[in-house]
Amino acid sequence: MLKDNIINFLIRAKQATYAGKGPEGISSRPDSHDLSYREGELYYLDTYLGSKNFAGEEAVWENEKPIWSMNYCGRVISTGFNSDFLKEALSIIPVDKPFRGPESYKKNNLTYRCSVNGDFEWFNGYEEIYNKNEKVYECYFHGGKIE
């Protein structure tokens, strides 16, 4: 399938699962949080462990074959963190960098920032949230095309 079709599918999948407050499915591992989305031959799974300190993986399969993956690891640093704000930021997915949220997003006292090196096929990045001037959340991520 064409890369643009995969990216558009990935965006819809992210907006329908964690970012869109979609329902969790059956845990694939002990105490994991699993959110999945399917359109025809394309399947997306976001599976993660933990909540305050967490690690996870998003992946896309085409015809049951893995074609793309992203690993992430992050932590909540302070009580000023708001998970609804994070989900709101993560629902604004740039087509040219469909990994996490936009480069910058602000609402009230909260600011989301995301920086990415690379492209859809090979990338790494870092996101953070500030409440006023205090960093309250951070997450590292990396991934790319699977062959």
Protein backbone atom coordinates (compact mmCIF):
# COMPACT_ATOMS: atom_id res chain seq x y z
CA MET A 1 0.00 0.00 0.00
CA LEU A 2 1.15 3.55 -0.63
CA LYS A 3 2.88 5.42 2.20
CA ASP A 4 0.28 8.23 2.12
CA ASN A 5 -2.51 5.67 2.64
CA ILE A 6 -0.65 4.17 5.60
CA ILE A 7 -0.08 7.61 7.14
CA ASN A 8 -3.76 8.55 6.75
CA PHE A 9 -4.77 5.22 8.30
CA LEU A 10 -2.33 5.79 11.18
CA ILE A 11 -3.82 9.23 11.86
CA ARG A 12 -7.37 7.84 11.91
CA ALA A 13 -6.27 4.99 14.17
CA LYS A 14 -4.56 7.30 16.68
CA GLN A 15 -7.60 9.61 16.76
CA ALA A 16 -9.92 6.63 17.36
CA THR A 17 -7.87 5.04 20.16
CA TYR A 18 -5.81 6.73 22.93
CA ALA A 19 -6.04 10.33 21.67
CA GLY A 20 -9.77 9.90 21.03
CA LYS A 21 -10.36 8.22 24.41
CA GLY A 22 -11.27 4.97 22.64
CA PRO A 23 -12.01 1.81 24.62
CA GLU A 24 -9.28 -0.54 25.76
CA GLY A 25 -9.32 -4.11 24.51
CA ILE A 26 -8.18 -7.31 26.16
CA SER A 27 -4.63 -7.09 27.56
CA SER A 28 -2.09 -8.83 25.36
CA ARG A 29 0.38 -9.00 28.27
CA PRO A 30 -0.10 -8.96 32.06
CA ASP A 31 -1.48 -5.56 33.11
CA SER A 32 -1.02 -3.95 29.68
CA HIS A 33 -3.31 -1.33 28.18
CA ASP A 34 -4.21 -2.26 24.60
CA LEU A 35 -6.08 -0.12 22.08
CA SER A 36 -6.64 -1.34 18.54
CA TYR A 37 -8.17 -0.18 15.28
CA ARG A 38 -8.81 -1.98 11.98
CA GLU A 39 -9.74 -0.91 8.44
CA GLY A 40 -9.81 -3.75 5.93
CA GLU A 41 -6.32 -5.24 5.61
CA LEU A 42 -4.76 -2.60 7.92
CA TYR A 43 -4.51 -3.15 11.69
CA TYR A 44 -3.14 -0.79 14.38
CA LEU A 45 -2.26 -1.68 17.97
CA ASP A 46 -1.10 0.63 20.74
CA THR A 47 -0.01 -1.38 23.78
CA TYR A 48 1.61 0.13 26.86
CA LEU A 49 2.54 -0.61 30.46
CA GLY A 50 2.17 1.74 33.41
CA SER A 51 0.55 5.15 33.69
CA LYS A 52 2.67 7.64 35.66
CA ASN A 53 5.87 6.10 34.30
CA PHE A 54 5.07 4.19 31.12
CA ALA A 55 6.48 2.44 28.07
CA GLY A 56 4.72 1.21 24.99
CA GLU A 57 4.62 0.50 21.30
CA GLU A 58 2.36 1.47 18.43
CA ALA A 59 2.45 -0.73 15.34
CA VAL A 60 0.71 -1.12 11.99
CA TRP A 61 0.19 -4.38 10.12
CA GLU A 62 -0.90 -4.84 6.51
CA ASN A 63 -2.37 -8.26 5.70
CA GLU A 64 -1.06 -9.54 9.09
CA LYS A 65 2.51 -8.42 8.27
CA PRO A 66 4.12 -5.66 10.41
CA ILE A 67 5.03 -2.60 8.32
CA TRP A 68 5.61 0.24 10.82
CA SER A 69 6.33 0.63 14.53
CA MET A 70 7.04 3.29 17.16
CA ASN A 71 8.30 2.72 20.71
CA TYR A 72 7.80 5.30 23.43
CA CYS A 73 8.75 5.79 27.07
CA GLY A 74 7.66 8.66 29.28
CA ARG A 75 6.76 9.89 32.71
CA VAL A 76 4.56 12.29 34.60
CA ILE A 77 6.85 14.57 36.60
CA SER A 78 4.41 16.73 38.57
CA THR A 79 0.82 16.97 39.78
CA GLY A 80 0.21 19.77 37.25
CA PHE A 81 -0.14 17.14 34.49
CA ASN A 82 -3.51 16.78 32.73
CA SER A 83 -4.07 13.60 30.67
CA ASP A 84 -7.03 15.12 28.82
CA PHE A 85 -4.75 17.92 27.59
CA LEU A 86 -2.20 15.34 26.39
CA LYS A 87 -4.93 13.42 24.50
CA GLU A 88 -6.16 16.69 22.97
CA ALA A 89 -2.64 17.54 21.76
CA LEU A 90 -2.10 13.99 20.47
CA SER A 91 -5.31 14.21 18.43
CA ILE A 92 -3.75 17.05 16.36
CA ILE A 93 -1.50 14.84 14.24
CA PRO A 94 0.69 16.46 11.57
CA VAL A 95 0.53 14.55 8.27
CA ASP A 96 4.24 15.19 7.63
CA LYS A 97 5.19 13.86 11.11
CA PRO A 98 2.40 11.47 12.19
CA PHE A 99 4.11 10.25 15.35
CA ARG A 100 2.75 12.15 18.35
CA GLY A 101 1.27 15.69 18.44
CA PRO A 102 2.02 19.01 16.75
CA GLU A 103 5.23 20.96 17.19
CA SER A 104 3.46 23.24 19.68
CA TYR A 105 -0.01 23.44 21.24
CA LYS A 106 -1.27 25.74 24.02
CA LYS A 107 -4.43 25.84 26.07
CA ASN A 108 -4.84 27.94 29.20
CA ASN A 109 -1.70 27.39 31.35
CA LEU A 110 -0.63 24.21 29.52
CA THR A 111 1.87 24.02 26.67
CA TYR A 112 2.69 20.89 24.63
CA ARG A 113 5.92 20.76 22.61
CA CYS A 114 7.17 18.05 20.27
CA SER A 115 10.39 17.83 18.29
CA VAL A 116 11.16 15.13 15.72
CA ASN A 117 14.25 14.12 13.75
CA GLY A 118 13.72 12.06 10.61
CA ASP A 119 10.70 10.99 8.63
CA PHE A 120 8.04 8.27 8.58
CA GLU A 121 10.57 5.58 7.66
CA TRP A 122 13.13 6.36 10.44
CA PHE A 123 12.67 8.88 13.25
CA ASN A 124 13.17 9.81 16.89
CA GLY A 125 11.65 12.54 18.98
CA TYR A 126 10.80 14.06 22.31
CA GLU A 127 7.63 15.63 23.67
CA GLU A 128 7.01 17.59 26.85
CA ILE A 129 4.22 19.44 28.62
CA TYR A 130 4.59 22.53 30.77
CA ASN A 131 2.07 23.89 33.25
CA LYS A 132 2.97 27.59 33.30
CA ASN A 133 6.80 27.32 33.50
CA GLU A 134 6.99 23.93 35.22
CA LYS A 135 7.71 20.80 33.18
CA VAL A 136 5.07 18.24 34.21
CA TYR A 137 5.49 15.48 31.58
CA GLU A 138 8.04 14.12 29.11
CA CYS A 139 8.22 11.29 26.59
CA TYR A 140 10.86 9.95 24.19
CA PHE A 141 9.86 8.03 21.06
CA HIS A 142 11.47 6.42 18.03
CA GLY A 143 10.57 4.08 15.19
CA GLY A 144 10.05 3.62 11.51
CA LYS A 145 9.33 1.28 8.66
CA ILE A 146 9.45 -2.50 9.25
CA GLU A 147 10.76 -4.79 6.49
